[in-house]
Amino acid sequence: MDNCFKRAQEVMHDNFGHVVEMCLASCVENNVSVRDLNTYYNDGKFYVLSKSSNSLMHDIAVNPRVGLCHGSHNIYGTARSLGHPLEAKNAALRKLLKKQFSLNYDEYVAEHDTEMRIVEIAVITAETFTRYHRYEIDFVKGEATRDHTQPVYIYR
């Protein structure tokens, strides 16, 4: 099939370029932890917020490979902590996240809490859908394929 990576990137943005509640799975020593959280996708990366004492932060320190799921969509990537939202290096990202999470940013992000962290998940592979197509995307190789498989259900 033709490489449709550019179109696949557009589909990822359409599906996740806004706040979306997803399941995020991490794994340490064959123990899988799954949690629901709000995510935001931008340019090949998902962003979530956590606290340094949460199990997610402990898990990704040992094994940074994580999985995200939303309905029929499956995403795999590598997670890392970018630090506290108020750190100078995070100023531009904080502004973007504050805009995206605008409805509940102040409730969801306790910036006064020194444990608050921004977590970045660099996407490695993704399987995502439009109404009529399924995309398999390899972000490392910059390749994607598309077929006419419809998702079991559309969940947006």
N, C-alpha and C. Protein backbone atom coordinates (compact mmCIF):
# COMPACT_ATOMS: atom_id res chain seq x y z
N MET A 1 0.83 -1.19 0.00
CA MET A 1 0.00 0.00 0.00
C MET A 1 0.87 1.25 0.00
N ASP A 2 0.30 2.33 -0.47
CA ASP A 2 1.01 3.60 -0.47
C ASP A 2 1.21 4.10 0.95
N ASN A 3 2.34 4.79 1.13
CA ASN A 3 2.61 5.39 2.43
C ASN A 3 1.73 6.64 2.55
N CYS A 4 0.87 6.65 3.52
CA CYS A 4 -0.04 7.77 3.74
C CYS A 4 0.22 8.41 5.10
N PHE A 5 1.51 8.57 5.42
CA PHE A 5 1.91 9.06 6.74
C PHE A 5 1.36 10.45 7.02
N LYS A 6 1.39 11.34 6.04
CA LYS A 6 0.89 12.70 6.27
C LYS A 6 -0.60 12.67 6.62
N ARG A 7 -1.38 11.90 5.88
CA ARG A 7 -2.81 11.79 6.16
C ARG A 7 -3.03 11.14 7.53
N ALA A 8 -2.23 10.15 7.87
CA ALA A 8 -2.36 9.50 9.17
C ALA A 8 -2.08 10.48 10.30
N GLN A 9 -1.11 11.37 10.11
CA GLN A 9 -0.83 12.40 11.12
C GLN A 9 -2.03 13.33 11.29
N GLU A 10 -2.68 13.67 10.19
CA GLU A 10 -3.89 14.51 10.25
C GLU A 10 -5.00 13.80 11.02
N VAL A 11 -5.14 12.50 10.79
CA VAL A 11 -6.16 11.71 11.49
C VAL A 11 -5.85 11.69 12.99
N MET A 12 -4.59 11.50 13.35
CA MET A 12 -4.21 11.53 14.77
C MET A 12 -4.58 12.88 15.39
N HIS A 13 -4.30 13.96 14.67
CA HIS A 13 -4.64 15.29 15.19
C HIS A 13 -6.15 15.45 15.32
N ASP A 14 -6.90 15.00 14.31
CA ASP A 14 -8.37 15.10 14.37
C ASP A 14 -8.92 14.29 15.56
N ASN A 15 -8.37 13.10 15.77
CA ASN A 15 -8.88 12.23 16.82
C ASN A 15 -8.43 12.63 18.22
N PHE A 16 -7.22 13.18 18.34
CA PHE A 16 -6.65 13.39 19.67
C PHE A 16 -6.06 14.77 19.92
N GLY A 17 -6.19 15.69 18.98
CA GLY A 17 -5.62 17.03 19.13
C GLY A 17 -6.47 17.94 20.00
N HIS A 18 -7.07 17.38 21.00
CA HIS A 18 -7.88 18.08 21.99
C HIS A 18 -7.88 17.17 23.23
N VAL A 19 -8.44 17.61 24.30
CA VAL A 19 -8.44 16.79 25.51
C VAL A 19 -9.31 15.56 25.30
N VAL A 20 -8.73 14.39 25.52
CA VAL A 20 -9.42 13.12 25.35
C VAL A 20 -9.12 12.26 26.58
N GLU A 21 -10.16 11.67 27.16
CA GLU A 21 -9.94 10.72 28.25
C GLU A 21 -9.54 9.39 27.66
N MET A 22 -8.40 8.87 28.09
CA MET A 22 -7.87 7.61 27.57
C MET A 22 -7.44 6.73 28.73
N CYS A 23 -7.22 5.47 28.42
CA CYS A 23 -6.60 4.55 29.38
C CYS A 23 -5.11 4.50 29.06
N LEU A 24 -4.30 4.63 30.10
CA LEU A 24 -2.85 4.54 29.93
C LEU A 24 -2.36 3.36 30.75
N ALA A 25 -1.61 2.46 30.11
CA ALA A 25 -1.08 1.28 30.77
C ALA A 25 0.43 1.36 30.85
N SER A 26 0.95 0.98 32.00
CA SER A 26 2.39 0.87 32.21
C SER A 26 2.65 -0.52 32.79
N CYS A 27 3.90 -0.97 32.71
CA CYS A 27 4.21 -2.32 33.18
C CYS A 27 5.59 -2.35 33.82
N VAL A 28 5.66 -2.92 35.02
CA VAL A 28 6.92 -3.13 35.72
C VAL A 28 6.90 -4.54 36.30
N GLU A 29 7.95 -5.31 36.00
CA GLU A 29 8.08 -6.67 36.50
C GLU A 29 6.82 -7.50 36.24
N ASN A 30 6.30 -7.41 35.04
CA ASN A 30 5.11 -8.13 34.59
C ASN A 30 3.84 -7.77 35.34
N ASN A 31 3.83 -6.66 36.05
CA ASN A 31 2.63 -6.15 36.70
C ASN A 31 2.15 -4.94 35.92
N VAL A 32 0.98 -5.07 35.32
CA VAL A 32 0.43 -4.01 34.48
C VAL A 32 -0.46 -3.11 35.34
N SER A 33 -0.29 -1.81 35.18
CA SER A 33 -1.16 -0.84 35.84
C SER A 33 -1.87 -0.03 34.75
N VAL A 34 -3.17 0.13 34.91
CA VAL A 34 -3.96 0.88 33.94
C VAL A 34 -4.73 1.95 34.68
N ARG A 35 -4.74 3.17 34.09
CA ARG A 35 -5.50 4.26 34.70
C ARG A 35 -6.14 5.10 33.61
N ASP A 36 -7.29 5.70 33.94
CA ASP A 36 -7.95 6.66 33.05
C ASP A 36 -7.38 8.03 33.35
N LEU A 37 -7.08 8.77 32.30
CA LEU A 37 -6.63 10.14 32.50
C LEU A 37 -6.87 10.97 31.26
N ASN A 38 -6.81 12.27 31.42
CA ASN A 38 -6.97 13.18 30.29
C ASN A 38 -5.64 13.31 29.57
N THR A 39 -5.72 13.28 28.24
CA THR A 39 -4.53 13.39 27.41
C THR A 39 -4.73 14.50 26.38
N TYR A 40 -3.61 14.95 25.85
CA TYR A 40 -3.64 15.91 24.74
C TYR A 40 -2.54 15.49 23.77
N TYR A 41 -2.87 15.43 22.48
CA TYR A 41 -1.92 15.02 21.44
C TYR A 41 -1.47 16.22 20.64
N ASN A 42 -0.16 16.28 20.38
CA ASN A 42 0.39 17.35 19.54
C ASN A 42 1.68 16.85 18.89
N ASP A 43 1.70 16.83 17.58
CA ASP A 43 2.91 16.57 16.80
C ASP A 43 3.66 15.29 17.23
N GLY A 44 2.95 14.18 17.26
CA GLY A 44 3.58 12.90 17.55
C GLY A 44 3.79 12.59 19.02
N LYS A 45 3.24 13.43 19.89
CA LYS A 45 3.40 13.23 21.33
C LYS A 45 2.09 13.44 22.05
N PHE A 46 1.87 12.64 23.08
CA PHE A 46 0.75 12.84 23.99
C PHE A 46 1.29 13.45 25.27
N TYR A 47 0.47 14.27 25.90
CA TYR A 47 0.84 14.88 27.17
C TYR A 47 -0.21 14.54 28.21
N VAL A 48 0.26 14.15 29.38
CA VAL A 48 -0.59 13.89 30.53
C VAL A 48 0.04 14.57 31.73
N LEU A 49 -0.75 14.69 32.78
CA LEU A 49 -0.25 15.30 34.01
C LEU A 49 -0.35 14.27 35.13
N SER A 50 0.66 14.26 35.98
CA SER A 50 0.71 13.29 37.07
C SER A 50 1.46 13.92 38.23
N LYS A 51 1.58 13.16 39.29
CA LYS A 51 2.37 13.60 40.44
C LYS A 51 3.56 12.66 40.59
N SER A 52 4.66 13.17 41.08
CA SER A 52 5.88 12.37 41.18
C SER A 52 5.71 11.15 42.08
N SER A 53 4.76 11.18 43.01
CA SER A 53 4.55 10.05 43.91
C SER A 53 3.57 9.01 43.35
N ASN A 54 2.94 9.27 42.21
CA ASN A 54 1.98 8.33 41.63
C ASN A 54 2.68 7.12 41.02
N SER A 55 1.94 6.04 40.91
CA SER A 55 2.51 4.81 40.36
C SER A 55 2.99 4.99 38.92
N LEU A 56 2.35 5.85 38.16
CA LEU A 56 2.79 6.08 36.78
C LEU A 56 4.24 6.55 36.75
N MET A 57 4.59 7.49 37.60
CA MET A 57 5.95 8.04 37.60
C MET A 57 6.96 6.97 38.04
N HIS A 58 6.59 6.14 39.00
CA HIS A 58 7.47 5.06 39.43
C HIS A 58 7.64 4.04 38.31
N ASP A 59 6.54 3.72 37.63
CA ASP A 59 6.60 2.74 36.55
C ASP A 59 7.47 3.20 35.39
N ILE A 60 7.29 4.43 34.93
CA ILE A 60 8.06 4.87 33.75
C ILE A 60 9.53 5.10 34.08
N ALA A 61 9.86 5.27 35.36
CA ALA A 61 11.27 5.36 35.74
C ALA A 61 11.97 4.02 35.53
N VAL A 62 11.21 2.92 35.69
CA VAL A 62 11.75 1.57 35.50
C VAL A 62 11.59 1.12 34.05
N ASN A 63 10.41 1.35 33.49
CA ASN A 63 10.10 0.92 32.12
C ASN A 63 9.30 2.02 31.43
N PRO A 64 9.92 2.79 30.57
CA PRO A 64 9.22 3.93 29.95
C PRO A 64 8.21 3.56 28.86
N ARG A 65 8.16 2.30 28.44
CA ARG A 65 7.20 1.88 27.41
C ARG A 65 5.80 1.86 28.00
N VAL A 66 4.86 2.53 27.32
CA VAL A 66 3.48 2.60 27.78
C VAL A 66 2.54 2.37 26.61
N GLY A 67 1.29 2.10 26.93
CA GLY A 67 0.24 1.96 25.92
C GLY A 67 -0.92 2.87 26.27
N LEU A 68 -1.54 3.44 25.25
CA LEU A 68 -2.74 4.26 25.41
C LEU A 68 -3.86 3.62 24.60
N CYS A 69 -5.07 3.70 25.13
CA CYS A 69 -6.22 3.12 24.45
C CYS A 69 -7.41 4.06 24.59
N HIS A 70 -8.14 4.21 23.50
CA HIS A 70 -9.39 4.98 23.50
C HIS A 70 -10.31 4.28 22.50
N GLY A 71 -11.31 3.58 23.02
CA GLY A 71 -12.18 2.82 22.13
C GLY A 71 -11.36 1.81 21.35
N SER A 72 -11.44 1.84 20.03
CA SER A 72 -10.70 0.91 19.18
C SER A 72 -9.29 1.40 18.86
N HIS A 73 -8.93 2.60 19.27
CA HIS A 73 -7.62 3.18 18.98
C HIS A 73 -6.58 2.66 19.97
N ASN A 74 -5.42 2.26 19.45
CA ASN A 74 -4.32 1.76 20.30
C ASN A 74 -3.04 2.48 19.93
N ILE A 75 -2.34 2.98 20.95
CA ILE A 75 -1.12 3.75 20.75
C ILE A 75 -0.06 3.22 21.69
N TYR A 76 1.17 3.09 21.20
CA TYR A 76 2.29 2.65 22.01
C TYR A 76 3.38 3.71 21.93
N GLY A 77 4.04 3.96 23.06
CA GLY A 77 5.06 4.99 23.05
C GLY A 77 6.00 4.88 24.23
N THR A 78 6.87 5.89 24.32
CA THR A 78 7.85 5.99 25.38
C THR A 78 7.55 7.24 26.20
N ALA A 79 7.41 7.06 27.52
CA ALA A 79 7.04 8.16 28.40
C ALA A 79 8.26 8.68 29.15
N ARG A 80 8.22 9.98 29.43
CA ARG A 80 9.25 10.59 30.26
C ARG A 80 8.68 11.81 30.95
N SER A 81 9.23 12.10 32.10
CA SER A 81 8.79 13.28 32.85
C SER A 81 9.51 14.50 32.31
N LEU A 82 8.75 15.57 32.08
CA LEU A 82 9.35 16.83 31.65
C LEU A 82 9.54 17.79 32.83
N GLY A 83 9.12 17.37 34.01
CA GLY A 83 9.27 18.20 35.19
C GLY A 83 8.00 18.93 35.54
N HIS A 84 8.12 19.87 36.47
CA HIS A 84 7.00 20.65 36.98
C HIS A 84 6.50 21.63 35.92
N PRO A 85 5.18 21.85 35.85
CA PRO A 85 4.65 22.79 34.85
C PRO A 85 5.21 24.22 34.95
N LEU A 86 5.63 24.64 36.13
CA LEU A 86 6.12 26.01 36.30
C LEU A 86 7.60 26.17 36.03
N GLU A 87 8.30 25.07 35.69
CA GLU A 87 9.71 25.20 35.34
C GLU A 87 9.84 26.03 34.07
N ALA A 88 10.86 26.86 33.99
CA ALA A 88 11.05 27.77 32.86
C ALA A 88 11.08 27.02 31.52
N LYS A 89 11.70 25.86 31.49
CA LYS A 89 11.79 25.09 30.23
C LYS A 89 10.42 24.63 29.74
N ASN A 90 9.41 24.61 30.61
CA ASN A 90 8.07 24.14 30.25
C ASN A 90 7.10 25.29 29.99
N ALA A 91 7.57 26.51 29.92
CA ALA A 91 6.68 27.68 29.79
C ALA A 91 5.77 27.59 28.57
N ALA A 92 6.33 27.32 27.40
CA ALA A 92 5.52 27.26 26.18
C ALA A 92 4.54 26.08 26.23
N LEU A 93 5.01 24.93 26.70
CA LEU A 93 4.14 23.76 26.80
C LEU A 93 3.05 23.99 27.83
N ARG A 94 3.38 24.61 28.95
CA ARG A 94 2.39 24.92 29.99
C ARG A 94 1.29 25.80 29.41
N LYS A 95 1.68 26.80 28.63
CA LYS A 95 0.70 27.70 28.01
C LYS A 95 -0.23 26.92 27.09
N LEU A 96 0.33 26.02 26.29
CA LEU A 96 -0.47 25.19 25.38
C LEU A 96 -1.41 24.27 26.17
N LEU A 97 -0.88 23.60 27.19
CA LEU A 97 -1.71 22.70 27.99
C LEU A 97 -2.79 23.45 28.75
N LYS A 98 -2.45 24.63 29.24
CA LYS A 98 -3.45 25.42 29.97
C LYS A 98 -4.60 25.80 29.03
N LYS A 99 -4.27 26.09 27.77
CA LYS A 99 -5.31 26.40 26.78
C LYS A 99 -6.15 25.16 26.48
N GLN A 100 -5.50 24.03 26.26
CA GLN A 100 -6.22 22.80 25.90
C GLN A 100 -7.07 22.26 27.05
N PHE A 101 -6.55 22.35 28.27
CA PHE A 101 -7.27 21.86 29.44
C PHE A 101 -8.07 22.99 30.09
N SER A 102 -8.39 24.02 29.33
CA SER A 102 -8.93 25.26 29.89
C SER A 102 -10.15 25.08 30.79
N LEU A 103 -11.02 24.17 30.48
CA LEU A 103 -12.24 24.01 31.27
C LEU A 103 -11.96 23.57 32.70
N ASN A 104 -10.92 22.76 32.89
CA ASN A 104 -10.67 22.27 34.25
C ASN A 104 -9.19 22.27 34.62
N TYR A 105 -8.39 23.10 33.98
CA TYR A 105 -6.95 23.11 34.25
C TYR A 105 -6.65 23.37 35.72
N ASP A 106 -7.26 24.39 36.28
CA ASP A 106 -6.96 24.75 37.67
C ASP A 106 -7.42 23.69 38.66
N GLU A 107 -8.46 22.94 38.31
CA GLU A 107 -8.91 21.84 39.17
C GLU A 107 -8.02 20.62 38.99
N TYR A 108 -7.59 20.37 37.76
CA TYR A 108 -6.85 19.16 37.42
C TYR A 108 -5.35 19.30 37.71
N VAL A 109 -4.82 20.50 37.56
CA VAL A 109 -3.38 20.73 37.71
C VAL A 109 -3.14 21.60 38.94
N ALA A 110 -2.61 21.01 39.97
CA ALA A 110 -2.30 21.74 41.20
C ALA A 110 -0.88 22.28 41.08
N GLU A 111 -0.74 23.41 40.40
CA GLU A 111 0.59 23.96 40.15
C GLU A 111 1.34 24.32 41.44
N HIS A 112 0.60 24.57 42.51
CA HIS A 112 1.25 24.88 43.79
C HIS A 112 1.89 23.64 44.41
N ASP A 113 1.51 22.46 43.94
CA ASP A 113 2.03 21.20 44.47
C ASP A 113 3.38 20.90 43.79
N THR A 114 4.42 20.76 44.59
CA THR A 114 5.76 20.51 44.04
C THR A 114 5.88 19.14 43.38
N GLU A 115 4.92 18.24 43.61
CA GLU A 115 4.95 16.91 43.00
C GLU A 115 4.35 16.87 41.59
N MET A 116 3.68 17.92 41.15
CA MET A 116 3.01 17.93 39.84
C MET A 116 4.07 17.79 38.73
N ARG A 117 3.77 16.95 37.74
CA ARG A 117 4.69 16.72 36.62
C ARG A 117 3.93 16.67 35.30
N ILE A 118 4.59 17.12 34.25
CA ILE A 118 4.11 16.94 32.88
C ILE A 118 4.80 15.69 32.35
N VAL A 119 4.02 14.77 31.81
CA VAL A 119 4.57 13.55 31.22
C VAL A 119 4.34 13.61 29.72
N GLU A 120 5.42 13.39 28.98
CA GLU A 120 5.37 13.37 27.52
C GLU A 120 5.51 11.93 27.05
N ILE A 121 4.61 11.53 26.15
CA ILE A 121 4.65 10.18 25.58
C ILE A 121 4.91 10.32 24.09
N ALA A 122 6.12 9.97 23.68
CA ALA A 122 6.49 10.01 22.26
C ALA A 122 5.93 8.75 21.60
N VAL A 123 5.07 8.94 20.62
CA VAL A 123 4.41 7.81 19.97
C VAL A 123 5.40 7.03 19.11
N ILE A 124 5.39 5.72 19.27
CA ILE A 124 6.20 4.83 18.45
C ILE A 124 5.33 4.24 17.34
N THR A 125 4.21 3.63 17.73
CA THR A 125 3.26 3.09 16.75
C THR A 125 1.84 3.42 17.21
N ALA A 126 0.94 3.46 16.24
CA ALA A 126 -0.46 3.73 16.55
C ALA A 126 -1.36 3.02 15.56
N GLU A 127 -2.50 2.61 16.05
CA GLU A 127 -3.59 2.11 15.21
C GLU A 127 -4.77 3.02 15.51
N THR A 128 -5.22 3.75 14.49
CA THR A 128 -6.31 4.69 14.69
C THR A 128 -7.28 4.61 13.52
N PHE A 129 -8.45 5.16 13.70
CA PHE A 129 -9.53 4.99 12.74
C PHE A 129 -10.18 6.33 12.38
N THR A 130 -10.70 6.37 11.17
CA THR A 130 -11.70 7.35 10.79
C THR A 130 -12.98 6.55 10.64
N ARG A 131 -13.98 7.18 10.14
CA ARG A 131 -15.25 6.47 9.99
C ARG A 131 -15.13 5.27 9.03
N TYR A 132 -14.26 5.39 8.01
CA TYR A 132 -14.19 4.35 6.98
C TYR A 132 -12.84 3.67 6.83
N HIS A 133 -11.82 4.15 7.55
CA HIS A 133 -10.48 3.61 7.37
C HIS A 133 -9.79 3.32 8.70
N ARG A 134 -8.88 2.36 8.63
CA ARG A 134 -7.98 2.06 9.74
C ARG A 134 -6.57 2.41 9.30
N TYR A 135 -5.85 3.11 10.17
CA TYR A 135 -4.47 3.50 9.89
C TYR A 135 -3.55 2.79 10.87
N GLU A 136 -2.50 2.19 10.33
CA GLU A 136 -1.41 1.67 11.15
C GLU A 136 -0.22 2.59 10.88
N ILE A 137 0.28 3.21 11.95
CA ILE A 137 1.29 4.25 11.80
C ILE A 137 2.56 3.86 12.54
N ASP A 138 3.68 3.97 11.86
CA ASP A 138 4.99 3.78 12.48
C ASP A 138 5.66 5.14 12.51
N PHE A 139 5.67 5.77 13.67
CA PHE A 139 6.23 7.11 13.80
C PHE A 139 7.74 7.11 13.70
N VAL A 140 8.38 6.02 14.05
CA VAL A 140 9.84 5.93 13.98
C VAL A 140 10.30 5.93 12.52
N LYS A 141 9.65 5.12 11.69
CA LYS A 141 10.00 5.04 10.27
C LYS A 141 9.34 6.13 9.43
N GLY A 142 8.32 6.80 9.99
CA GLY A 142 7.60 7.81 9.22
C GLY A 142 6.75 7.19 8.14
N GLU A 143 6.14 6.04 8.45
CA GLU A 143 5.34 5.31 7.47
C GLU A 143 3.96 5.00 8.04
N ALA A 144 3.01 4.85 7.14
CA ALA A 144 1.66 4.47 7.55
C ALA A 144 0.99 3.70 6.42
N THR A 145 0.07 2.83 6.82
CA THR A 145 -0.76 2.12 5.85
C THR A 145 -2.21 2.37 6.22
N ARG A 146 -3.06 2.21 5.22
CA ARG A 146 -4.49 2.43 5.44
C ARG A 146 -5.25 1.31 4.76
N ASP A 147 -6.31 0.85 5.42
CA ASP A 147 -7.20 -0.10 4.78
C ASP A 147 -8.64 0.32 5.08
N HIS A 148 -9.58 -0.41 4.54
CA HIS A 148 -10.99 -0.03 4.66
C HIS A 148 -11.69 -0.71 5.83
N THR A 149 -10.94 -1.06 6.83
CA THR A 149 -11.53 -1.65 8.03
C THR A 149 -12.20 -0.56 8.85
N GLN A 150 -13.41 -0.81 9.26
CA GLN A 150 -14.11 0.13 10.13
C GLN A 150 -13.94 -0.31 11.57
N PRO A 151 -13.89 0.64 12.50
CA PRO A 151 -13.78 0.24 13.90
C PRO A 151 -15.05 -0.46 14.35
N VAL A 152 -14.93 -1.23 15.41
CA VAL A 152 -16.09 -1.90 15.98
C VAL A 152 -17.14 -0.86 16.36
N TYR A 153 -16.66 0.24 16.91
CA TYR A 153 -17.54 1.38 17.19
C TYR A 153 -16.70 2.64 17.16
N ILE A 154 -17.31 3.74 16.88
CA ILE A 154 -16.61 5.01 16.85
C ILE A 154 -16.80 5.69 18.20
N TYR A 155 -15.68 6.02 18.83
CA TYR A 155 -15.69 6.56 20.17
C TYR A 155 -14.88 7.85 20.16
N ARG A 156 -15.55 8.95 20.23
CA ARG A 156 -14.86 10.25 20.22
C ARG A 156 -15.25 11.06 21.40
